[in-house]
N, C-alpha and C. Protein backbone atom coordinates (compact mmCIF):
# COMPACT_ATOMS: atom_id res chain seq x y z
N UNK A 1 173.08 123.57 88.57
CA UNK A 1 173.38 125.05 89.17
C UNK A 1 174.68 125.60 88.79
N UNK A 2 174.71 126.75 88.03
CA UNK A 2 175.84 127.44 87.44
C UNK A 2 175.96 128.56 88.10
N UNK A 3 177.18 128.64 88.62
CA UNK A 3 177.87 129.96 89.25
C UNK A 3 178.89 130.72 88.35
N UNK A 4 178.79 131.86 87.79
CA UNK A 4 179.95 132.54 87.07
C UNK A 4 180.00 133.66 87.88
N UNK A 5 181.20 134.32 87.58
CA UNK A 5 181.73 135.34 88.48
C UNK A 5 182.72 136.08 87.17
N UNK A 6 183.09 137.42 87.83
CA UNK A 6 184.33 138.05 86.87
C UNK A 6 184.93 138.97 87.88
N UNK A 7 185.86 138.91 87.89
CA UNK A 7 187.02 139.48 89.12
C UNK A 7 187.94 140.45 88.33
N UNK A 8 187.91 141.66 88.68
CA UNK A 8 188.76 142.72 87.70
C UNK A 8 190.08 142.44 89.01
N UNK A 9 191.33 142.51 88.01
CA UNK A 9 192.51 142.34 88.96
C UNK A 9 193.27 143.43 88.61
N UNK A 10 192.71 144.39 88.04
CA UNK A 10 193.78 145.66 87.30
C UNK A 10 194.41 145.49 86.34
N UNK A 11 194.64 146.71 85.48
CA UNK A 11 195.57 146.83 84.56
C UNK A 11 194.75 146.12 83.15
N UNK A 12 193.29 145.84 83.05
CA UNK A 12 192.98 145.32 82.11
C UNK A 12 192.77 143.69 82.24
N UNK A 13 193.04 143.36 83.34
CA UNK A 13 192.98 141.58 83.54
C UNK A 13 191.81 141.34 84.30
N UNK A 14 191.15 140.37 83.87
CA UNK A 14 190.10 139.59 84.51
C UNK A 14 190.06 138.36 84.68
N UNK A 15 189.68 137.63 86.10
CA UNK A 15 189.67 136.32 86.37
C UNK A 15 188.26 135.93 86.18
N UNK A 16 188.14 134.96 85.52
CA UNK A 16 186.52 134.58 85.17
C UNK A 16 186.46 133.44 85.79
N UNK A 17 186.00 132.94 87.17
CA UNK A 17 185.65 131.10 87.10
C UNK A 17 184.39 131.11 87.14
N UNK A 18 184.20 129.87 86.97
CA UNK A 18 182.81 129.35 86.67
C UNK A 18 182.72 127.64 87.50
N UNK A 19 181.47 127.72 88.33
CA UNK A 19 181.30 126.32 89.06
C UNK A 19 180.06 125.84 88.30
N UNK A 20 180.18 124.47 87.90
CA UNK A 20 178.81 123.96 87.19
C UNK A 20 178.37 122.69 88.31
N UNK A 21 177.38 122.65 88.58
CA UNK A 21 177.24 121.35 89.65
C UNK A 21 176.03 120.86 88.99
N UNK A 22 175.98 119.25 88.90
CA UNK A 22 175.28 118.64 88.19
C UNK A 22 174.87 117.62 89.20
N UNK A 23 173.39 117.62 89.10
CA UNK A 23 172.92 116.85 90.49
C UNK A 23 172.82 115.41 89.99
N UNK A 24 172.26 114.47 90.95
CA UNK A 24 172.01 112.96 90.57
C UNK A 24 171.35 112.62 89.39
N UNK A 25 172.00 111.94 88.39
CA UNK A 25 171.40 111.36 87.29
C UNK A 25 170.96 110.12 86.90
N UNK A 26 169.92 109.66 86.06
CA UNK A 26 169.67 108.52 85.74
C UNK A 26 169.71 108.54 84.45
N UNK A 27 170.52 107.21 83.77
CA UNK A 27 170.67 106.82 82.61
C UNK A 27 171.09 105.27 82.36
N UNK A 28 171.44 104.74 81.20
CA UNK A 28 171.72 103.77 80.84
C UNK A 28 172.90 103.40 80.66
N UNK A 29 173.35 102.09 81.10
CA UNK A 29 174.94 101.79 80.92
C UNK A 29 174.79 100.51 80.08
N UNK A 30 176.26 100.21 79.26
CA UNK A 30 175.93 98.77 78.64
C UNK A 30 175.48 97.66 79.31
N UNK A 31 174.30 97.10 78.52
CA UNK A 31 173.78 95.85 79.24
C UNK A 31 172.69 96.18 80.37
N UNK A 32 172.46 97.27 80.73
CA UNK A 32 171.42 97.65 81.95
C UNK A 32 169.85 97.54 81.20
N UNK A 33 169.28 96.70 82.01
CA UNK A 33 167.74 96.59 81.55
C UNK A 33 167.35 97.68 82.08
N UNK A 34 167.43 98.49 82.94
CA UNK A 34 166.79 99.42 83.97
C UNK A 34 167.79 100.43 84.17
N UNK A 35 167.29 101.93 84.04
CA UNK A 35 168.05 103.15 84.17
C UNK A 35 169.18 102.96 85.65
N UNK A 36 170.20 103.28 85.90
CA UNK A 36 170.88 103.34 87.11
C UNK A 36 171.26 104.83 87.27
N UNK A 37 171.51 104.73 88.52
CA UNK A 37 171.54 106.17 89.31
C UNK A 37 173.25 106.46 89.11
N UNK A 38 173.55 107.85 88.81
CA UNK A 38 174.63 108.24 88.34
C UNK A 38 174.93 109.40 89.42
N UNK A 39 175.96 109.38 90.14
CA UNK A 39 176.49 110.12 91.33
C UNK A 39 176.46 111.88 90.47
N UNK A 40 176.47 112.74 91.67
CA UNK A 40 176.50 114.31 91.10
C UNK A 40 177.90 114.57 90.95
N UNK A 41 178.07 115.57 90.20
CA UNK A 41 179.49 115.98 89.84
C UNK A 41 179.29 117.38 89.64
N UNK A 42 180.69 118.20 89.96
CA UNK A 42 180.67 119.39 89.94
C UNK A 42 182.16 119.81 89.24
N UNK A 43 181.85 120.68 87.91
CA UNK A 43 183.24 121.20 87.32
C UNK A 43 183.25 122.43 87.56
N UNK A 44 184.84 122.97 87.41
CA UNK A 44 185.14 123.97 87.88
C UNK A 44 186.01 124.54 86.58
N UNK A 45 185.72 125.67 86.01
CA UNK A 45 186.70 126.43 84.82
C UNK A 45 186.79 127.56 85.30
N UNK A 46 188.27 127.93 84.66
CA UNK A 46 188.95 129.10 85.29
C UNK A 46 189.44 129.89 83.80
N UNK A 47 189.18 131.01 83.74
CA UNK A 47 189.71 131.85 82.54
C UNK A 47 190.35 133.23 82.92
N UNK A 48 191.46 133.13 82.70
CA UNK A 48 192.21 134.69 82.81
C UNK A 48 192.14 135.30 81.33
N UNK A 49 191.70 136.67 81.58
CA UNK A 49 191.87 137.44 80.34
C UNK A 49 192.35 138.91 80.45
N UNK A 50 193.33 139.37 79.48
CA UNK A 50 194.07 140.44 79.31
C UNK A 50 193.60 141.22 78.08
N UNK A 51 193.10 142.56 78.46
CA UNK A 51 192.84 143.25 77.36
C UNK A 51 193.67 144.54 77.26
N UNK A 52 193.95 145.03 76.22
CA UNK A 52 194.76 146.14 76.00
C UNK A 52 194.39 146.81 74.45
N UNK A 53 193.66 148.12 74.73
CA UNK A 53 193.30 148.64 73.40
C UNK A 53 192.30 147.60 72.69
N UNK A 54 192.34 147.21 71.40
CA UNK A 54 191.57 146.48 70.58
C UNK A 54 192.14 144.85 70.73
N UNK A 55 193.24 144.79 71.45
CA UNK A 55 193.77 143.11 71.58
C UNK A 55 193.25 142.67 72.83
N UNK A 56 193.24 141.30 72.86
CA UNK A 56 192.86 140.46 74.07
C UNK A 56 193.64 139.38 73.85
N UNK A 57 193.89 138.62 75.31
CA UNK A 57 194.54 137.67 75.16
C UNK A 57 193.79 136.61 76.14
N UNK A 58 193.45 135.22 76.17
CA UNK A 58 192.77 135.07 77.26
C UNK A 58 193.79 133.50 77.46
N UNK A 59 193.98 133.01 78.77
CA UNK A 59 194.10 131.32 79.20
C UNK A 59 193.10 130.93 80.07
N UNK A 60 193.04 129.89 79.87
CA UNK A 60 192.01 128.98 80.80
C UNK A 60 192.08 127.66 80.61
N UNK A 61 191.48 127.14 81.95
CA UNK A 61 191.40 125.68 81.92
C UNK A 61 190.10 125.12 82.32
N UNK A 62 189.39 124.63 81.23
CA UNK A 62 188.07 124.06 81.65
C UNK A 62 188.11 122.63 82.18
N UNK A 63 187.46 122.24 82.89
CA UNK A 63 187.31 120.99 83.63
C UNK A 63 188.67 120.91 84.59
N UNK A 64 189.01 121.93 85.28
CA UNK A 64 190.13 122.04 86.21
C UNK A 64 190.41 120.99 86.93
N UNK A 65 189.52 120.17 87.43
CA UNK A 65 189.43 119.04 88.35
C UNK A 65 189.34 118.05 87.56
N UNK A 66 189.46 117.74 86.57
CA UNK A 66 189.48 116.84 85.75
C UNK A 66 188.55 115.63 86.14
N UNK A 67 187.06 116.11 86.06
CA UNK A 67 186.24 115.08 86.32
C UNK A 67 185.89 114.31 85.28
N UNK A 68 185.43 112.99 85.43
CA UNK A 68 184.91 112.38 84.50
C UNK A 68 183.22 112.25 84.34
N UNK A 69 182.85 113.00 83.74
CA UNK A 69 181.34 113.52 83.44
C UNK A 69 181.02 112.99 82.31
N UNK A 70 180.34 111.67 82.12
CA UNK A 70 179.62 111.19 80.77
C UNK A 70 178.48 111.87 80.37
N UNK A 71 178.28 111.61 79.32
CA UNK A 71 176.72 112.08 78.36
C UNK A 71 175.96 110.96 78.70
N UNK A 72 175.14 110.82 79.15
CA UNK A 72 174.36 109.52 79.50
C UNK A 72 173.33 109.20 78.52
N UNK A 73 172.91 107.63 78.10
CA UNK A 73 172.14 107.17 77.24
C UNK A 73 170.67 107.57 78.21
N UNK A 74 169.64 108.15 77.41
CA UNK A 74 168.72 108.08 77.76
C UNK A 74 167.63 107.01 77.42
N UNK A 75 168.16 105.85 76.71
CA UNK A 75 167.13 104.68 76.33
C UNK A 75 168.29 103.47 76.61
N UNK A 76 167.61 102.17 76.47
CA UNK A 76 168.68 101.20 76.59
C UNK A 76 168.89 100.77 75.15
N UNK A 77 169.57 101.26 74.68
CA UNK A 77 170.22 101.21 73.20
C UNK A 77 171.54 100.06 72.85
N UNK A 78 171.83 99.73 74.29
CA UNK A 78 172.96 98.94 74.06
C UNK A 78 174.39 99.50 73.83
N UNK A 79 174.19 100.69 74.37
CA UNK A 79 175.51 101.33 74.08
C UNK A 79 176.01 101.93 75.81
N UNK A 80 177.11 102.29 75.73
CA UNK A 80 177.84 102.90 76.99
C UNK A 80 177.56 104.32 77.05
N UNK A 81 177.64 105.18 78.21
CA UNK A 81 177.54 106.78 78.26
C UNK A 81 178.61 107.03 77.47
N UNK A 82 178.43 108.08 76.61
CA UNK A 82 179.85 108.62 76.09
C UNK A 82 180.50 109.65 76.89
N UNK A 83 181.90 109.26 76.52
CA UNK A 83 182.84 110.15 77.64
C UNK A 83 182.75 111.49 77.27
N UNK A 84 182.55 112.49 78.33
CA UNK A 84 182.69 113.91 78.47
C UNK A 84 184.17 114.51 78.24
N UNK A 85 184.30 115.85 78.02
CA UNK A 85 185.40 116.37 78.04
C UNK A 85 186.33 116.49 79.27
N UNK A 86 187.21 115.89 79.28
CA UNK A 86 188.25 115.84 80.28
C UNK A 86 189.11 117.25 80.42
N UNK A 87 190.07 117.51 81.32
CA UNK A 87 190.83 118.84 81.45
C UNK A 87 191.37 119.25 80.40
N UNK A 88 191.05 120.72 79.83
CA UNK A 88 191.26 121.11 78.56
C UNK A 88 192.15 122.46 78.89
N UNK A 89 192.98 122.75 78.14
CA UNK A 89 193.79 124.31 78.07
C UNK A 89 193.19 124.95 77.22
N UNK A 90 192.97 126.27 77.26
CA UNK A 90 192.51 127.07 76.22
C UNK A 90 193.13 128.34 76.19
N UNK A 91 193.42 128.78 74.84
CA UNK A 91 194.00 129.90 74.62
C UNK A 91 193.50 130.63 73.30
N UNK A 92 193.20 132.01 73.82
CA UNK A 92 192.08 132.81 72.77
C UNK A 92 193.04 134.28 72.80
N UNK A 93 193.18 134.33 71.55
CA UNK A 93 193.75 135.83 70.69
C UNK A 93 192.48 136.51 69.95
N UNK A 94 192.26 137.88 70.42
CA UNK A 94 191.28 138.43 69.80
C UNK A 94 191.46 139.78 69.31
N UNK A 95 191.05 140.61 68.24
CA UNK A 95 190.98 141.87 68.00
C UNK A 95 189.89 142.30 67.45
N UNK A 96 189.58 143.55 68.01
CA UNK A 96 188.29 144.00 67.41
C UNK A 96 188.39 144.92 66.53
N UNK A 97 187.81 144.84 65.38
CA UNK A 97 187.60 145.86 64.36
C UNK A 97 186.95 146.82 64.72
């Protein structure tokens, strides 16, 4: 389930929050002979953008709650789940031609 929003704050500013909810998943961990259950997780992202003319400046935080969400192994290949992205700060500067 993914929820996206865009809230106008005035004077060219918008706040863009998003919430991504992953349900219970099954996958393999190192040494597992059968898939095991991984708990549900929720990711929260926030992005603030300011636009003035052809310029834009954005600041954001992805995975704001710093949840550990692994990429699960779909088969028993002897490896552990790959680590997902942790909390991340984002700066974006744009100019439209």
